[in-house]
């Protein structure tokens, strides 16, 4: 049997971007897993990641559930691989099984470690934890994975432990990273002396001319007087208008020059339907 912890193939398996090739390998490897561990014996556990296919958008996060099927499980140490260049782990929520205790997780580069134990021992299927991710700096549409890397543990008791073989699968993540086209027809309407309303046309296509459904809009503002060249985020909306509290200065009637007090910028972001 191949030592996945030490082989170069195992190290780089989950980083490959060719989705169809990865699926073929997963199918082959998964078939071997089930052929060897079906049904599970008293020294084995299987980790299923769900959902299996995820569409992640740039303006919201996504979750991956860790489900364990085991017989007489006592202690588990699990490691998962993710693409830290394109999405970051923001939190881990332990499952609700009263007899299960999940320890604080650890993140090192692309690796996530989840450890815990059952007391008393566990037989069956349970949700171990939910991983919460958020996309970051996604450039272009691409497919990557959240994958089970390796695991160890034991069944039995502390006085008579039996090593537990742990195997698992992966979830494919389709990242929607092609930026939408910028909104056009931006209009700034003064409401009173201390606020304005921004209006713009809805964005329906991205830069590849693919449809964009229900985009969100990030509103940014450059304070030309006090902080020229820096655009600060002042809000996010799913509408095509935005109110901003901003004092419109009144100059002497004799002043005829034009003074730019600030510049607004609207950026569209893809969102889930």
C-alpha atoms as a PDB file:
ATOM      1  CA  UNK A   1       0.000   0.000   0.000  1.00  0.00           C
ATOM      2  CA  UNK A   2       1.272   3.500  -0.806  1.00  0.00           C
ATOM      3  CA  UNK A   3       2.378   5.594   2.186  1.00  0.00           C
ATOM      4  CA  UNK A   4       0.321   8.736   1.521  1.00  0.00           C
ATOM      5  CA  UNK A   5       2.057  10.696   4.292  1.00  0.00           C
ATOM      6  CA  UNK A   6       5.446  10.399   2.601  1.00  0.00           C
ATOM      7  CA  UNK A   7       4.798  10.055  -1.108  1.00  0.00           C
ATOM      8  CA  UNK A   8       5.105  13.129  -3.322  1.00  0.00           C
ATOM      9  CA  UNK A   9       1.876  12.085  -5.023  1.00  0.00           C
ATOM     10  CA  UNK A  10      -0.038  12.191  -1.751  1.00  0.00           C
ATOM     11  CA  UNK A  11       1.528  15.564  -0.826  1.00  0.00           C
ATOM     12  CA  UNK A  12       0.420  17.305  -3.970  1.00  0.00           C
ATOM     13  CA  UNK A  13      -2.724  15.343  -4.763  1.00  0.00           C
ATOM     14  CA  UNK A  14      -5.193  17.841  -3.324  1.00  0.00           C
ATOM     15  CA  UNK A  15      -3.488  20.880  -4.920  1.00  0.00           C
ATOM     16  CA  UNK A  16      -4.127  19.854  -8.515  1.00  0.00           C
ATOM     17  CA  UNK A  17      -6.351  22.150 -10.554  1.00  0.00           C
ATOM     18  CA  UNK A  18      -7.343  19.770 -13.341  1.00  0.00           C
ATOM     19  CA  UNK A  19     -10.780  18.878 -12.011  1.00  0.00           C
ATOM     20  CA  UNK A  20     -11.611  16.034 -14.371  1.00  0.00           C
ATOM     21  CA  UNK A  21      -8.280  14.348 -13.657  1.00  0.00           C
ATOM     22  CA  UNK A  22      -8.757  14.771  -9.918  1.00  0.00           C
ATOM     23  CA  UNK A  23     -12.245  13.308 -10.103  1.00  0.00           C
ATOM     24  CA  UNK A  24     -10.876  10.270 -11.920  1.00  0.00           C
ATOM     25  CA  UNK A  25      -8.207   9.769  -9.274  1.00  0.00           C
ATOM     26  CA  UNK A  26     -10.716  10.241  -6.466  1.00  0.00           C
ATOM     27  CA  UNK A  27     -12.990   7.684  -8.078  1.00  0.00           C
ATOM     28  CA  UNK A  28     -10.162   5.175  -8.362  1.00  0.00           C
ATOM     29  CA  UNK A  29      -8.888   5.790  -4.824  1.00  0.00           C
ATOM     30  CA  UNK A  30     -12.419   5.786  -3.417  1.00  0.00           C
ATOM     31  CA  UNK A  31     -13.120   2.432  -5.025  1.00  0.00           C
ATOM     32  CA  UNK A  32     -10.048   0.990  -3.325  1.00  0.00           C
ATOM     33  CA  UNK A  33     -11.113   2.424   0.020  1.00  0.00           C
ATOM     34  CA  UNK A  34     -14.542   0.856  -0.074  1.00  0.00           C
ATOM     35  CA  UNK A  35     -13.186  -2.420  -1.375  1.00  0.00           C
ATOM     36  CA  UNK A  36     -10.872  -2.662   1.618  1.00  0.00           C
ATOM     37  CA  UNK A  37     -13.119  -1.181   4.309  1.00  0.00           C
ATOM     38  CA  UNK A  38     -16.657  -2.263   3.570  1.00  0.00           C
ATOM     39  CA  UNK A  39     -18.003  -3.140   6.017  1.00  0.00           C
ATOM     40  CA  UNK A  40     -15.862  -1.287   8.567  1.00  0.00           C
ATOM     41  CA  UNK A  41     -14.170  -3.475  11.144  1.00  0.00           C
ATOM     42  CA  UNK A  42     -13.502  -2.507  14.768  1.00  0.00           C
ATOM     43  CA  UNK A  43     -10.217  -0.743  13.941  1.00  0.00           C
ATOM     44  CA  UNK A  44     -11.352   1.510  11.072  1.00  0.00           C
ATOM     45  CA  UNK A  45     -13.175   4.796  10.461  1.00  0.00           C
ATOM     46  CA  UNK A  46     -14.203   6.683   7.326  1.00  0.00           C
ATOM     47  CA  UNK A  47     -14.396  10.498   6.992  1.00  0.00           C
ATOM     48  CA  UNK A  48     -16.955  11.877   4.548  1.00  0.00           C
ATOM     49  CA  UNK A  49     -16.843  15.560   3.586  1.00  0.00           C
ATOM     50  CA  UNK A  50     -20.109  17.120   2.462  1.00  0.00           C
ATOM     51  CA  UNK A  51     -21.527  18.604   0.411  1.00  0.00           C
ATOM     52  CA  UNK A  52     -19.459  16.953  -2.287  1.00  0.00           C
ATOM     53  CA  UNK A  53     -19.824  19.816  -4.760  1.00  0.00           C
ATOM     54  CA  UNK A  54     -19.747  23.428  -3.601  1.00  0.00           C
ATOM     55  CA  UNK A  55     -20.113  26.693  -5.532  1.00  0.00           C
ATOM     56  CA  UNK A  56     -18.394  29.513  -3.653  1.00  0.00           C
ATOM     57  CA  UNK A  57     -18.866  33.178  -4.504  1.00  0.00           C
ATOM     58  CA  UNK A  58     -16.594  36.104  -3.738  1.00  0.00           C
ATOM     59  CA  UNK A  59     -19.015  37.893  -1.427  1.00  0.00           C
ATOM     60  CA  UNK A  60     -19.923  35.081   0.962  1.00  0.00           C
ATOM     61  CA  UNK A  61     -18.488  32.067   2.722  1.00  0.00           C
ATOM     62  CA  UNK A  62     -19.216  28.365   2.518  1.00  0.00           C
ATOM     63  CA  UNK A  63     -19.228  25.378   4.883  1.00  0.00           C
ATOM     64  CA  UNK A  64     -17.845  21.849   4.702  1.00  0.00           C
ATOM     65  CA  UNK A  65     -19.202  19.183   7.077  1.00  0.00           C
ATOM     66  CA  UNK A  66     -16.916  16.483   8.512  1.00  0.00           C
ATOM     67  CA  UNK A  67     -18.862  13.257   9.044  1.00  0.00           C
ATOM     68  CA  UNK A  68     -17.322  10.158  10.640  1.00  0.00           C
ATOM     69  CA  UNK A  69     -18.517   6.574  10.333  1.00  0.00           C
ATOM     70  CA  UNK A  70     -16.729   4.314  12.824  1.00  0.00           C
ATOM     71  CA  UNK A  71     -16.946   1.249  15.033  1.00  0.00           C
ATOM     72  CA  UNK A  72     -15.832   1.423  18.682  1.00  0.00           C
ATOM     73  CA  UNK A  73     -13.945   4.685  18.053  1.00  0.00           C
ATOM     74  CA  UNK A  74     -12.131   6.274  20.970  1.00  0.00           C
ATOM     75  CA  UNK A  75      -9.581   8.912  19.849  1.00  0.00           C
ATOM     76  CA  UNK A  76      -9.164  10.626  16.464  1.00  0.00           C
ATOM     77  CA  UNK A  77      -6.522  12.956  15.009  1.00  0.00           C
ATOM     78  CA  UNK A  78      -7.559  14.221  11.572  1.00  0.00           C
ATOM     79  CA  UNK A  79      -5.800  16.413   9.020  1.00  0.00           C
ATOM     80  CA  UNK A  80      -7.384  18.167   6.055  1.00  0.00           C
ATOM     81  CA  UNK A  81      -5.893  20.084   3.133  1.00  0.00           C
ATOM     82  CA  UNK A  82      -7.327  23.264   1.633  1.00  0.00           C
ATOM     83  CA  UNK A  83      -6.253  25.933  -0.828  1.00  0.00           C
ATOM     84  CA  UNK A  84      -5.168  28.754   1.478  1.00  0.00           C
ATOM     85  CA  UNK A  85      -4.327  30.977  -1.504  1.00  0.00           C
ATOM     86  CA  UNK A  86      -7.985  31.137  -2.519  1.00  0.00           C
ATOM     87  CA  UNK A  87     -10.003  30.634   0.672  1.00  0.00           C
ATOM     88  CA  UNK A  88      -9.334  30.893   4.390  1.00  0.00           C
ATOM     89  CA  UNK A  89     -10.689  28.971   7.368  1.00  0.00           C
ATOM     90  CA  UNK A  90     -12.690  31.379   9.534  1.00  0.00           C
ATOM     91  CA  UNK A  91     -13.912  28.952  12.196  1.00  0.00           C
ATOM     92  CA  UNK A  92     -14.766  25.412  13.265  1.00  0.00           C
ATOM     93  CA  UNK A  93     -18.079  24.420  14.867  1.00  0.00           C
ATOM     94  CA  UNK A  94     -17.989  21.053  16.705  1.00  0.00           C
ATOM     95  CA  UNK A  95     -20.792  18.562  16.157  1.00  0.00           C
ATOM     96  CA  UNK A  96     -23.485  18.208  18.784  1.00  0.00           C
ATOM     97  CA  UNK A  97     -22.902  14.623  19.967  1.00  0.00           C
ATOM     98  CA  UNK A  98     -22.754  14.756  23.777  1.00  0.00           C
ATOM     99  CA  UNK A  99     -20.187  11.952  24.082  1.00  0.00           C
ATOM    100  CA  UNK A 100     -17.778  13.605  21.613  1.00  0.00           C
ATOM    101  CA  UNK A 101     -15.170  16.190  22.627  1.00  0.00           C
ATOM    102  CA  UNK A 102     -13.475  18.208  19.851  1.00  0.00           C
ATOM    103  CA  UNK A 103     -10.262  20.002  20.827  1.00  0.00           C
ATOM    104  CA  UNK A 104      -9.257  23.462  19.512  1.00  0.00           C
ATOM    105  CA  UNK A 105      -8.271  23.195  15.865  1.00  0.00           C
ATOM    106  CA  UNK A 106      -4.897  24.092  14.370  1.00  0.00           C
ATOM    107  CA  UNK A 107      -4.122  25.653  10.975  1.00  0.00           C
ATOM    108  CA  UNK A 108      -0.660  25.480   9.443  1.00  0.00           C
ATOM    109  CA  UNK A 109      -0.404  26.692   5.843  1.00  0.00           C
ATOM    110  CA  UNK A 110      -2.759  24.532   3.783  1.00  0.00           C
ATOM    111  CA  UNK A 111      -3.311  21.990   6.584  1.00  0.00           C
ATOM    112  CA  UNK A 112      -6.132  21.943   9.146  1.00  0.00           C
ATOM    113  CA  UNK A 113      -5.855  19.634  12.175  1.00  0.00           C
ATOM    114  CA  UNK A 114      -9.002  18.487  14.031  1.00  0.00           C
ATOM    115  CA  UNK A 115      -8.479  16.273  17.096  1.00  0.00           C
ATOM    116  CA  UNK A 116     -10.899  14.837  19.604  1.00  0.00           C
ATOM    117  CA  UNK A 117     -12.180  11.790  21.470  1.00  0.00           C
ATOM    118  CA  UNK A 118     -15.356   9.919  22.379  1.00  0.00           C
ATOM    119  CA  UNK A 119     -16.340   8.906  25.901  1.00  0.00           C
ATOM    120  CA  UNK A 120     -17.740   6.333  25.937  1.00  0.00           C
ATOM    121  CA  UNK A 121     -16.530   4.799  22.669  1.00  0.00           C
ATOM    122  CA  UNK A 122     -18.645   5.528  19.597  1.00  0.00           C
ATOM    123  CA  UNK A 123     -20.159   3.275  16.951  1.00  0.00           C
ATOM    124  CA  UNK A 124     -22.202   4.733  14.089  1.00  0.00           C
ATOM    125  CA  UNK A 125     -22.175   7.918  12.005  1.00  0.00           C
ATOM    126  CA  UNK A 126     -21.930  11.439  13.443  1.00  0.00           C
ATOM    127  CA  UNK A 127     -21.052  15.001  12.477  1.00  0.00           C
ATOM    128  CA  UNK A 128     -17.595  15.690  13.905  1.00  0.00           C
ATOM    129  CA  UNK A 129     -17.384  19.380  12.983  1.00  0.00           C
ATOM    130  CA  UNK A 130     -18.257  22.006  10.367  1.00  0.00           C
ATOM    131  CA  UNK A 131     -15.466  23.987   8.701  1.00  0.00           C
ATOM    132  CA  UNK A 132     -16.310  27.591   7.784  1.00  0.00           C
ATOM    133  CA  UNK A 133     -14.437  29.155   4.851  1.00  0.00           C
ATOM    134  CA  UNK A 134     -14.432  32.490   3.040  1.00  0.00           C
ATOM    135  CA  UNK A 135     -12.957  33.075  -0.449  1.00  0.00           C
ATOM    136  CA  UNK A 136     -10.006  35.487  -0.666  1.00  0.00           C
ATOM    137  CA  UNK A 137      -8.293  37.116  -3.652  1.00  0.00           C
ATOM    138  CA  UNK A 138      -9.848  34.696  -6.128  1.00  0.00           C
ATOM    139  CA  UNK A 139      -8.555  35.377  -9.649  1.00  0.00           C
ATOM    140  CA  UNK A 140     -10.700  33.782 -12.333  1.00  0.00           C
ATOM    141  CA  UNK A 141     -13.096  30.861 -12.043  1.00  0.00           C
ATOM    142  CA  UNK A 142     -11.393  27.688 -10.849  1.00  0.00           C
ATOM    143  CA  UNK A 143     -12.052  24.393  -9.112  1.00  0.00           C
ATOM    144  CA  UNK A 144     -10.118  23.231  -6.075  1.00  0.00           C
ATOM    145  CA  UNK A 145     -10.647  20.858  -3.160  1.00  0.00           C
ATOM    146  CA  UNK A 146     -11.126  20.568   0.557  1.00  0.00           C
ATOM    147  CA  UNK A 147      -9.689  17.124   1.131  1.00  0.00           C
ATOM    148  CA  UNK A 148      -9.024  14.578   3.849  1.00  0.00           C
ATOM    149  CA  UNK A 149      -5.225  14.343   4.102  1.00  0.00           C
ATOM    150  CA  UNK A 150      -4.613  11.681   6.733  1.00  0.00           C
ATOM    151  CA  UNK A 151      -5.654  10.574  10.204  1.00  0.00           C
ATOM    152  CA  UNK A 152      -4.801   8.366  13.116  1.00  0.00           C
ATOM    153  CA  UNK A 153      -6.482   7.214  16.305  1.00  0.00           C
ATOM    154  CA  UNK A 154      -7.452   4.189  18.302  1.00  0.00           C
ATOM    155  CA  UNK A 155     -10.424   2.189  19.439  1.00  0.00           C
ATOM    156  CA  UNK A 156     -10.698   0.078  22.562  1.00  0.00           C
ATOM    157  CA  UNK A 157      -9.609   1.631  25.861  1.00  0.00           C
ATOM    158  CA  UNK A 158      -6.661   3.572  27.199  1.00  0.00           C
ATOM    159  CA  UNK A 159      -5.404   0.409  28.880  1.00  0.00           C
ATOM    160  CA  UNK A 160      -5.812  -1.722  25.737  1.00  0.00           C
ATOM    161  CA  UNK A 161      -5.791   0.603  22.699  1.00  0.00           C
ATOM    162  CA  UNK A 162      -6.138  -0.729  19.168  1.00  0.00           C
ATOM    163  CA  UNK A 163      -4.761   1.451  16.316  1.00  0.00           C
ATOM    164  CA  UNK A 164      -7.599   2.746  14.144  1.00  0.00           C
ATOM    165  CA  UNK A 165      -7.128   3.096  10.383  1.00  0.00           C
ATOM    166  CA  UNK A 166      -8.814   6.297   9.180  1.00  0.00           C
ATOM    167  CA  UNK A 167      -9.525   7.040   5.500  1.00  0.00           C
ATOM    168  CA  UNK A 168     -11.642   9.722   3.842  1.00  0.00           C
ATOM    169  CA  UNK A 169     -12.750  11.631   0.767  1.00  0.00           C
ATOM    170  CA  UNK A 170     -12.934  15.221  -0.523  1.00  0.00           C
ATOM    171  CA  UNK A 171     -15.301  18.034  -1.485  1.00  0.00           C
ATOM    172  CA  UNK A 172     -14.794  19.890  -4.767  1.00  0.00           C
ATOM    173  CA  UNK A 173     -15.121  23.674  -4.546  1.00  0.00           C
ATOM    174  CA  UNK A 174     -15.948  25.729  -7.643  1.00  0.00           C
ATOM    175  CA  UNK A 175     -14.771  29.272  -7.000  1.00  0.00           C
ATOM    176  CA  UNK A 176     -16.519  32.030  -8.941  1.00  0.00           C
ATOM    177  CA  UNK A 177     -13.601  34.427  -9.302  1.00  0.00           C
ATOM    178  CA  UNK A 178     -14.132  36.179 -12.638  1.00  0.00           C
ATOM    179  CA  UNK A 179     -15.079  39.752 -11.650  1.00  0.00           C
ATOM    180  CA  UNK A 180     -18.424  41.165 -12.739  1.00  0.00           C
ATOM    181  CA  UNK A 181     -18.360  44.138 -15.063  1.00  0.00           C
ATOM    182  CA  UNK A 182     -18.357  47.478 -13.227  1.00  0.00           C
ATOM    183  CA  UNK A 183     -21.698  49.238 -12.754  1.00  0.00           C
ATOM    184  CA  UNK A 184     -22.373  52.140 -15.094  1.00  0.00           C
ATOM    185  CA  UNK A 185     -24.659  55.163 -15.062  1.00  0.00           C
ATOM    186  CA  UNK A 186     -23.686  56.184 -11.519  1.00  0.00           C
ATOM    187  CA  UNK A 187     -25.694  59.207 -10.414  1.00  0.00           C
ATOM    188  CA  UNK A 188     -25.132  61.187  -7.202  1.00  0.00           C
ATOM    189  CA  UNK A 189     -28.248  62.937  -5.887  1.00  0.00           C
ATOM    190  CA  UNK A 190     -27.943  65.389  -2.935  1.00  0.00           C
ATOM    191  CA  UNK A 191     -30.702  64.614  -0.436  1.00  0.00           C
ATOM    192  CA  UNK A 192     -30.040  67.332   2.130  1.00  0.00           C
ATOM    193  CA  UNK A 193     -26.986  69.260   3.269  1.00  0.00           C
ATOM    194  CA  UNK A 194     -25.610  66.195   5.047  1.00  0.00           C
ATOM    195  CA  UNK A 195     -26.339  63.192   2.783  1.00  0.00           C
ATOM    196  CA  UNK A 196     -26.386  61.945  -0.791  1.00  0.00           C
ATOM    197  CA  UNK A 197     -28.046  59.034  -2.588  1.00  0.00           C
ATOM    198  CA  UNK A 198     -26.115  57.027  -5.167  1.00  0.00           C
ATOM    199  CA  UNK A 199     -27.922  55.271  -8.034  1.00  0.00           C
ATOM    200  CA  UNK A 200     -26.444  52.929 -10.668  1.00  0.00           C
ATOM    201  CA  UNK A 201     -27.516  50.386 -13.288  1.00  0.00           C
ATOM    202  CA  UNK A 202     -27.604  46.672 -12.293  1.00  0.00           C
ATOM    203  CA  UNK A 203     -24.741  44.439 -13.396  1.00  0.00           C
ATOM    204  CA  UNK A 204     -25.802  41.322 -15.332  1.00  0.00           C
ATOM    205  CA  UNK A 205     -22.520  40.002 -16.855  1.00  0.00           C
ATOM    206  CA  UNK A 206     -18.988  39.257 -15.706  1.00  0.00           C
ATOM    207  CA  UNK A 207     -15.772  39.958 -17.616  1.00  0.00           C
ATOM    208  CA  UNK A 208     -16.186  36.647 -19.502  1.00  0.00           C
ATOM    209  CA  UNK A 209     -19.704  37.731 -20.516  1.00  0.00           C
ATOM    210  CA  UNK A 210     -21.175  34.985 -18.330  1.00  0.00           C
ATOM    211  CA  UNK A 211     -24.426  35.851 -16.524  1.00  0.00           C
ATOM    212  CA  UNK A 212     -24.231  37.288 -13.019  1.00  0.00           C
ATOM    213  CA  UNK A 213     -27.268  36.665 -10.819  1.00  0.00           C
ATOM    214  CA  UNK A 214     -28.038  38.856  -7.802  1.00  0.00           C
ATOM    215  CA  UNK A 215     -24.648  40.560  -7.442  1.00  0.00           C
ATOM    216  CA  UNK A 216     -23.721  42.529  -4.370  1.00  0.00           C
ATOM    217  CA  UNK A 217     -22.180  45.997  -4.545  1.00  0.00           C
ATOM    218  CA  UNK A 218     -19.271  47.306  -2.516  1.00  0.00           C
ATOM    219  CA  UNK A 219     -19.400  51.082  -2.107  1.00  0.00           C
ATOM    220  CA  UNK A 220     -16.064  52.882  -1.663  1.00  0.00           C
ATOM    221  CA  UNK A 221     -15.263  56.550  -1.106  1.00  0.00           C
ATOM    222  CA  UNK A 222     -12.159  58.674  -1.596  1.00  0.00           C
ATOM    223  CA  UNK A 223     -11.986  61.729   0.680  1.00  0.00           C
ATOM    224  CA  UNK A 224     -10.075  63.994  -1.688  1.00  0.00           C
ATOM    225  CA  UNK A 225      -9.642  66.790   0.874  1.00  0.00           C
ATOM    226  CA  UNK A 226      -8.255  64.697   3.748  1.00  0.00           C
ATOM    227  CA  UNK A 227      -7.063  61.365   2.277  1.00  0.00           C
ATOM    228  CA  UNK A 228      -6.560  61.623  -1.457  1.00  0.00           C
ATOM    229  CA  UNK A 229      -5.779  58.427  -3.334  1.00  0.00           C
ATOM    230  CA  UNK A 230      -7.276  56.089  -0.692  1.00  0.00           C
ATOM    231  CA  UNK A 231     -10.645  54.438  -1.230  1.00  0.00           C
ATOM    232  CA  UNK A 232     -12.320  53.341   1.997  1.00  0.00           C
ATOM    233  CA  UNK A 233     -15.210  50.883   2.078  1.00  0.00           C
ATOM    234  CA  UNK A 234     -18.325  52.642   3.353  1.00  0.00           C
ATOM    235  CA  UNK A 235     -20.900  49.912   2.849  1.00  0.00           C
ATOM    236  CA  UNK A 236     -22.229  46.882   1.003  1.00  0.00           C
ATOM    237  CA  UNK A 237     -25.674  46.473  -0.562  1.00  0.00           C
ATOM    238  CA  UNK A 238     -27.673  44.098  -2.732  1.00  0.00           C
ATOM    239  CA  UNK A 239     -29.673  47.065  -4.064  1.00  0.00           C
ATOM    240  CA  UNK A 240     -28.690  49.478  -6.839  1.00  0.00           C
ATOM    241  CA  UNK A 241     -28.765  52.517  -4.559  1.00  0.00           C
ATOM    242  CA  UNK A 242     -26.956  53.592  -1.430  1.00  0.00           C
ATOM    243  CA  UNK A 243     -27.321  56.484   1.045  1.00  0.00           C
ATOM    244  CA  UNK A 244     -24.209  58.138   2.423  1.00  0.00           C
ATOM    245  CA  UNK A 245     -23.964  60.800   5.105  1.00  0.00           C
ATOM    246  CA  UNK A 246     -21.674  63.416   3.638  1.00  0.00           C
ATOM    247  CA  UNK A 247     -21.648  67.148   4.296  1.00  0.00           C
ATOM    248  CA  UNK A 248     -21.898  69.229   1.126  1.00  0.00           C
ATOM    249  CA  UNK A 249     -19.901  72.359   1.785  1.00  0.00           C
ATOM    250  CA  UNK A 250     -21.321  75.754   0.788  1.00  0.00           C
ATOM    251  CA  UNK A 251     -18.865  78.282  -0.574  1.00  0.00           C
ATOM    252  CA  UNK A 252     -19.231  82.037  -0.958  1.00  0.00           C
ATOM    253  CA  UNK A 253     -21.576  83.057  -3.770  1.00  0.00           C
ATOM    254  CA  UNK A 254     -18.651  84.711  -5.538  1.00  0.00           C
ATOM    255  CA  UNK A 255     -16.724  81.448  -5.869  1.00  0.00           C
ATOM    256  CA  UNK A 256     -17.106  80.038  -9.369  1.00  0.00           C
ATOM    257  CA  UNK A 257     -14.461  77.279  -9.296  1.00  0.00           C
ATOM    258  CA  UNK A 258     -15.242  73.585  -9.060  1.00  0.00           C
ATOM    259  CA  UNK A 259     -13.903  71.719  -6.026  1.00  0.00           C
ATOM    260  CA  UNK A 260     -13.871  67.909  -5.940  1.00  0.00           C
ATOM    261  CA  UNK A 261     -14.598  66.941  -2.350  1.00  0.00           C
ATOM    262  CA  UNK A 262     -14.763  63.195  -2.877  1.00  0.00           C
ATOM    263  CA  UNK A 263     -15.007  60.359  -5.368  1.00  0.00           C
ATOM    264  CA  UNK A 264     -17.295  57.328  -5.147  1.00  0.00           C
ATOM    265  CA  UNK A 265     -16.483  53.918  -6.591  1.00  0.00           C
ATOM    266  CA  UNK A 266     -18.925  51.016  -6.906  1.00  0.00           C
ATOM    267  CA  UNK A 267     -17.656  47.430  -7.343  1.00  0.00           C
ATOM    268  CA  UNK A 268     -19.938  44.490  -8.126  1.00  0.00           C
ATOM    269  CA  UNK A 269     -19.363  41.138  -6.375  1.00  0.00           C
ATOM    270  CA  UNK A 270     -20.854  37.754  -7.227  1.00  0.00           C
ATOM    271  CA  UNK A 271     -23.262  36.346  -4.683  1.00  0.00           C
ATOM    272  CA  UNK A 272     -25.236  33.140  -4.246  1.00  0.00           C
ATOM    273  CA  UNK A 273     -28.784  33.118  -5.614  1.00  0.00           C
END
